[in-house]
Amino acid sequence: MHPDLFLTIYRQQERELEQRLLQRFAADERAPGGPTKARGLRVAHIRLHRKGAARL
């Protein structure tokens, strides 16, 4: 598989996973009783710009 194609697919899957997680967290916040104990307290998530994160 061509490296650029691999990276494109990887990044698309990463975006889809991130969206699913955000939707799950939002649904959990809306649920009666708030977040479940199993998930515990949330820690602030700092989003890094993808190009900036690649340089780290």
PDB file of N, CA and C in Angstrom:
ATOM      1  N   MET A   1       0.854  -1.177   0.000  1.00  0.00           N
ATOM      2  CA  MET A   1       0.000   0.000   0.000  1.00  0.00           C
ATOM      3  C   MET A   1       0.899   1.239   0.000  1.00  0.00           C
ATOM      4  N   HIS A   2       0.528   2.208  -0.772  1.00  0.00           N
ATOM      5  CA  HIS A   2       1.292   3.453  -0.863  1.00  0.00           C
ATOM      6  C   HIS A   2       1.255   4.176   0.484  1.00  0.00           C
ATOM      7  N   PRO A   3       2.376   4.713   0.947  1.00  0.00           N
ATOM      8  CA  PRO A   3       2.416   5.375   2.264  1.00  0.00           C
ATOM      9  C   PRO A   3       1.404   6.524   2.409  1.00  0.00           C
ATOM     10  N   ASP A   4       1.219   7.315   1.357  1.00  0.00           N
ATOM     11  CA  ASP A   4       0.263   8.425   1.447  1.00  0.00           C
ATOM     12  C   ASP A   4      -1.160   7.905   1.610  1.00  0.00           C
ATOM     13  N   LEU A   5      -1.487   6.840   0.907  1.00  0.00           N
ATOM     14  CA  LEU A   5      -2.817   6.244   1.029  1.00  0.00           C
ATOM     15  C   LEU A   5      -3.010   5.684   2.430  1.00  0.00           C
ATOM     16  N   PHE A   6      -1.995   5.024   2.942  1.00  0.00           N
ATOM     17  CA  PHE A   6      -2.058   4.484   4.300  1.00  0.00           C
ATOM     18  C   PHE A   6      -2.315   5.596   5.307  1.00  0.00           C
ATOM     19  N   LEU A   7      -1.565   6.706   5.200  1.00  0.00           N
ATOM     20  CA  LEU A   7      -1.741   7.821   6.130  1.00  0.00           C
ATOM     21  C   LEU A   7      -3.119   8.452   6.003  1.00  0.00           C
ATOM     22  N   THR A   8      -3.625   8.564   4.784  1.00  0.00           N
ATOM     23  CA  THR A   8      -4.957   9.126   4.571  1.00  0.00           C
ATOM     24  C   THR A   8      -6.013   8.273   5.258  1.00  0.00           C
ATOM     25  N   ILE A   9      -5.922   6.966   5.079  1.00  0.00           N
ATOM     26  CA  ILE A   9      -6.887   6.054   5.710  1.00  0.00           C
ATOM     27  C   ILE A   9      -6.758   6.112   7.224  1.00  0.00           C
ATOM     28  N   TYR A  10      -5.532   6.122   7.717  1.00  0.00           N
ATOM     29  CA  TYR A  10      -5.295   6.173   9.158  1.00  0.00           C
ATOM     30  C   TYR A  10      -5.901   7.439   9.769  1.00  0.00           C
ATOM     31  N   ARG A  11      -5.661   8.571   9.138  1.00  0.00           N
ATOM     32  CA  ARG A  11      -6.188   9.840   9.665  1.00  0.00           C
ATOM     33  C   ARG A  11      -7.710   9.878   9.620  1.00  0.00           C
ATOM     34  N   GLN A  12      -8.316   9.318   8.561  1.00  0.00           N
ATOM     35  CA  GLN A  12      -9.764   9.272   8.467  1.00  0.00           C
ATOM     36  C   GLN A  12     -10.337   8.412   9.604  1.00  0.00           C
ATOM     37  N   GLN A  13      -9.735   7.278   9.856  1.00  0.00           N
ATOM     38  CA  GLN A  13     -10.202   6.414  10.935  1.00  0.00           C
ATOM     39  C   GLN A  13     -10.020   7.087  12.291  1.00  0.00           C
ATOM     40  N   GLU A  14      -8.935   7.830  12.431  1.00  0.00           N
ATOM     41  CA  GLU A  14      -8.687   8.555  13.670  1.00  0.00           C
ATOM     42  C   GLU A  14      -9.774   9.612  13.903  1.00  0.00           C
ATOM     43  N   ARG A  15     -10.135  10.340  12.835  1.00  0.00           N
ATOM     44  CA  ARG A  15     -11.204  11.345  12.950  1.00  0.00           C
ATOM     45  C   ARG A  15     -12.540  10.697  13.293  1.00  0.00           C
ATOM     46  N   GLU A  16     -12.843   9.560  12.662  1.00  0.00           N
ATOM     47  CA  GLU A  16     -14.107   8.867  12.942  1.00  0.00           C
ATOM     48  C   GLU A  16     -14.152   8.384  14.388  1.00  0.00           C
ATOM     49  N   LEU A  17     -13.060   7.853  14.883  1.00  0.00           N
ATOM     50  CA  LEU A  17     -13.006   7.396  16.262  1.00  0.00           C
ATOM     51  C   LEU A  17     -13.185   8.569  17.223  1.00  0.00           C
ATOM     52  N   GLU A  18     -12.525   9.675  16.927  1.00  0.00           N
ATOM     53  CA  GLU A  18     -12.646  10.861  17.770  1.00  0.00           C
ATOM     54  C   GLU A  18     -14.098  11.341  17.814  1.00  0.00           C
ATOM     55  N   GLN A  19     -14.778  11.343  16.661  1.00  0.00           N
ATOM     56  CA  GLN A  19     -16.178  11.761  16.619  1.00  0.00           C
ATOM     57  C   GLN A  19     -17.060  10.817  17.430  1.00  0.00           C
ATOM     58  N   ARG A  20     -16.815   9.507  17.306  1.00  0.00           N
ATOM     59  CA  ARG A  20     -17.613   8.542  18.074  1.00  0.00           C
ATOM     60  C   ARG A  20     -17.406   8.727  19.567  1.00  0.00           C
ATOM     61  N   LEU A  21     -16.170   8.977  19.981  1.00  0.00           N
ATOM     62  CA  LEU A  21     -15.904   9.197  21.403  1.00  0.00           C
ATOM     63  C   LEU A  21     -16.578  10.462  21.907  1.00  0.00           C
ATOM     64  N   LEU A  22     -16.515  11.529  21.105  1.00  0.00           N
ATOM     65  CA  LEU A  22     -17.172  12.777  21.516  1.00  0.00           C
ATOM     66  C   LEU A  22     -18.680  12.588  21.626  1.00  0.00           C
ATOM     67  N   GLN A  23     -19.269  11.838  20.692  1.00  0.00           N
ATOM     68  CA  GLN A  23     -20.709  11.572  20.754  1.00  0.00           C
ATOM     69  C   GLN A  23     -21.050  10.733  21.982  1.00  0.00           C
ATOM     70  N   ARG A  24     -20.196   9.754  22.288  1.00  0.00           N
ATOM     71  CA  ARG A  24     -20.438   8.912  23.469  1.00  0.00           C
ATOM     72  C   ARG A  24     -20.353   9.735  24.741  1.00  0.00           C
ATOM     73  N   PHE A  25     -19.352  10.616  24.832  1.00  0.00           N
ATOM     74  CA  PHE A  25     -19.232  11.470  26.012  1.00  0.00           C
ATOM     75  C   PHE A  25     -20.428  12.406  26.143  1.00  0.00           C
ATOM     76  N   ALA A  26     -20.882  12.967  25.025  1.00  0.00           N
ATOM     77  CA  ALA A  26     -22.036  13.869  25.056  1.00  0.00           C
ATOM     78  C   ALA A  26     -23.285  13.112  25.502  1.00  0.00           C
ATOM     79  N   ALA A  27     -23.466  11.906  25.016  1.00  0.00           N
ATOM     80  CA  ALA A  27     -24.629  11.107  25.412  1.00  0.00           C
ATOM     81  C   ALA A  27     -24.549  10.754  26.892  1.00  0.00           C
ATOM     82  N   ASP A  28     -23.347  10.467  27.374  1.00  0.00           N
ATOM     83  CA  ASP A  28     -23.163  10.148  28.787  1.00  0.00           C
ATOM     84  C   ASP A  28     -23.488  11.351  29.655  1.00  0.00           C
ATOM     85  N   GLU A  29     -23.126  12.537  29.199  1.00  0.00           N
ATOM     86  CA  GLU A  29     -23.420  13.764  29.951  1.00  0.00           C
ATOM     87  C   GLU A  29     -24.929  13.997  30.037  1.00  0.00           C
ATOM     88  N   ARG A  30     -25.651  13.656  28.974  1.00  0.00           N
ATOM     89  CA  ARG A  30     -27.100  13.867  28.947  1.00  0.00           C
ATOM     90  C   ARG A  30     -27.866  12.801  29.714  1.00  0.00           C
ATOM     91  N   ALA A  31     -27.236  11.677  30.003  1.00  0.00           N
ATOM     92  CA  ALA A  31     -27.916  10.567  30.666  1.00  0.00           C
ATOM     93  C   ALA A  31     -28.346  10.981  32.073  1.00  0.00           C
ATOM     94  N   PRO A  32     -29.509  10.471  32.509  1.00  0.00           N
ATOM     95  CA  PRO A  32     -29.961  10.793  33.872  1.00  0.00           C
ATOM     96  C   PRO A  32     -28.931  10.309  34.889  1.00  0.00           C
ATOM     97  N   GLY A  33     -28.638  11.138  35.861  1.00  0.00           N
ATOM     98  CA  GLY A  33     -27.669  10.771  36.879  1.00  0.00           C
ATOM     99  C   GLY A  33     -26.248  11.132  36.517  1.00  0.00           C
ATOM    100  N   GLY A  34     -26.034  11.710  35.342  1.00  0.00           N
ATOM    101  CA  GLY A  34     -24.693  12.135  34.951  1.00  0.00           C
ATOM    102  C   GLY A  34     -23.819  10.974  34.523  1.00  0.00           C
ATOM    103  N   PRO A  35     -22.534  11.205  34.463  1.00  0.00           N
ATOM    104  CA  PRO A  35     -21.602  10.158  34.008  1.00  0.00           C
ATOM    105  C   PRO A  35     -21.616   8.953  34.945  1.00  0.00           C
ATOM    106  N   THR A  36     -21.390   7.796  34.403  1.00  0.00           N
ATOM    107  CA  THR A  36     -21.369   6.585  35.222  1.00  0.00           C
ATOM    108  C   THR A  36     -20.098   6.552  36.055  1.00  0.00           C
ATOM    109  N   LYS A  37     -20.161   5.825  37.163  1.00  0.00           N
ATOM    110  CA  LYS A  37     -19.000   5.738  38.044  1.00  0.00           C
ATOM    111  C   LYS A  37     -17.820   5.077  37.349  1.00  0.00           C
ATOM    112  N   ALA A  38     -18.119   4.132  36.466  1.00  0.00           N
ATOM    113  CA  ALA A  38     -17.042   3.406  35.795  1.00  0.00           C
ATOM    114  C   ALA A  38     -16.154   4.339  34.990  1.00  0.00           C
ATOM    115  N   ARG A  39     -16.719   5.390  34.456  1.00  0.00           N
ATOM    116  CA  ARG A  39     -15.931   6.326  33.665  1.00  0.00           C
ATOM    117  C   ARG A  39     -15.147   7.291  34.554  1.00  0.00           C
ATOM    118  N   GLY A  40     -15.616   7.509  35.768  1.00  0.00           N
ATOM    119  CA  GLY A  40     -14.903   8.378  36.695  1.00  0.00           C
ATOM    120  C   GLY A  40     -14.968   9.842  36.285  1.00  0.00           C
ATOM    121  N   LEU A  41     -14.149  10.637  36.929  1.00  0.00           N
ATOM    122  CA  LEU A  41     -14.119  12.062  36.628  1.00  0.00           C
ATOM    123  C   LEU A  41     -13.350  12.298  35.336  1.00  0.00           C
ATOM    124  N   ARG A  42     -13.796  13.278  34.627  1.00  0.00           N
ATOM    125  CA  ARG A  42     -13.137  13.586  33.353  1.00  0.00           C
ATOM    126  C   ARG A  42     -12.005  14.571  33.573  1.00  0.00           C
ATOM    127  N   VAL A  43     -10.997  14.420  32.782  1.00  0.00           N
ATOM    128  CA  VAL A  43      -9.862  15.334  32.807  1.00  0.00           C
ATOM    129  C   VAL A  43      -9.969  16.185  31.561  1.00  0.00           C
ATOM    130  N   ALA A  44      -9.670  17.452  31.692  1.00  0.00           N
ATOM    131  CA  ALA A  44      -9.728  18.341  30.531  1.00  0.00           C
ATOM    132  C   ALA A  44      -8.840  17.802  29.425  1.00  0.00           C
ATOM    133  N   HIS A  45      -9.363  17.805  28.230  1.00  0.00           N
ATOM    134  CA  HIS A  45      -8.626  17.288  27.080  1.00  0.00           C
ATOM    135  C   HIS A  45      -8.122  18.466  26.267  1.00  0.00           C
ATOM    136  N   ILE A  46      -6.823  18.517  26.081  1.00  0.00           N
ATOM    137  CA  ILE A  46      -6.231  19.594  25.293  1.00  0.00           C
ATOM    138  C   ILE A  46      -6.024  19.075  23.889  1.00  0.00           C
ATOM    139  N   ARG A  47      -6.655  19.727  22.933  1.00  0.00           N
ATOM    140  CA  ARG A  47      -6.536  19.297  21.548  1.00  0.00           C
ATOM    141  C   ARG A  47      -5.317  19.945  20.916  1.00  0.00           C
ATOM    142  N   LEU A  48      -4.511  19.126  20.292  1.00  0.00           N
ATOM    143  CA  LEU A  48      -3.339  19.627  19.588  1.00  0.00           C
ATOM    144  C   LEU A  48      -3.637  19.659  18.106  1.00  0.00           C
ATOM    145  N   HIS A  49      -3.154  20.681  17.452  1.00  0.00           N
ATOM    146  CA  HIS A  49      -3.293  20.732  16.013  1.00  0.00           C
ATOM    147  C   HIS A  49      -2.475  19.584  15.434  1.00  0.00           C
ATOM    148  N   ARG A  50      -3.049  18.862  14.459  1.00  0.00           N
ATOM    149  CA  ARG A  50      -2.400  17.658  13.943  1.00  0.00           C
ATOM    150  C   ARG A  50      -0.985  17.941  13.401  1.00  0.00           C
ATOM    151  N   LYS A  51      -0.818  19.022  12.683  1.00  0.00           N
ATOM    152  CA  LYS A  51       0.505  19.320  12.131  1.00  0.00           C
ATOM    153  C   LYS A  51       1.466  19.685  13.251  1.00  0.00           C
ATOM    154  N   GLY A  52       0.985  20.420  14.249  1.00  0.00           N
ATOM    155  CA  GLY A  52       1.824  20.775  15.380  1.00  0.00           C
ATOM    156  C   GLY A  52       2.188  19.560  16.206  1.00  0.00           C
ATOM    157  N   ALA A  53       1.241  18.636  16.370  1.00  0.00           N
ATOM    158  CA  ALA A  53       1.500  17.429  17.150  1.00  0.00           C
ATOM    159  C   ALA A  53       2.503  16.525  16.452  1.00  0.00           C
ATOM    160  N   ALA A  54       2.525  16.574  15.143  1.00  0.00           N
ATOM    161  CA  ALA A  54       3.440  15.722  14.388  1.00  0.00           C
ATOM    162  C   ALA A  54       4.893  16.133  14.628  1.00  0.00           C
ATOM    163  N   ARG A  55       5.103  17.378  14.988  1.00  0.00           N
ATOM    164  CA  ARG A  55       6.460  17.857  15.235  1.00  0.00           C
ATOM    165  C   ARG A  55       6.967  17.516  16.616  1.00  0.00           C
ATOM    166  N   LEU A  56       6.086  17.076  17.500  1.00  0.00           N
ATOM    167  CA  LEU A  56       6.507  16.799  18.883  1.00  0.00           C
ATOM    168  C   LEU A  56       7.419  15.610  18.966  1.00  0.00           C
TER     169      LEU A  56
END
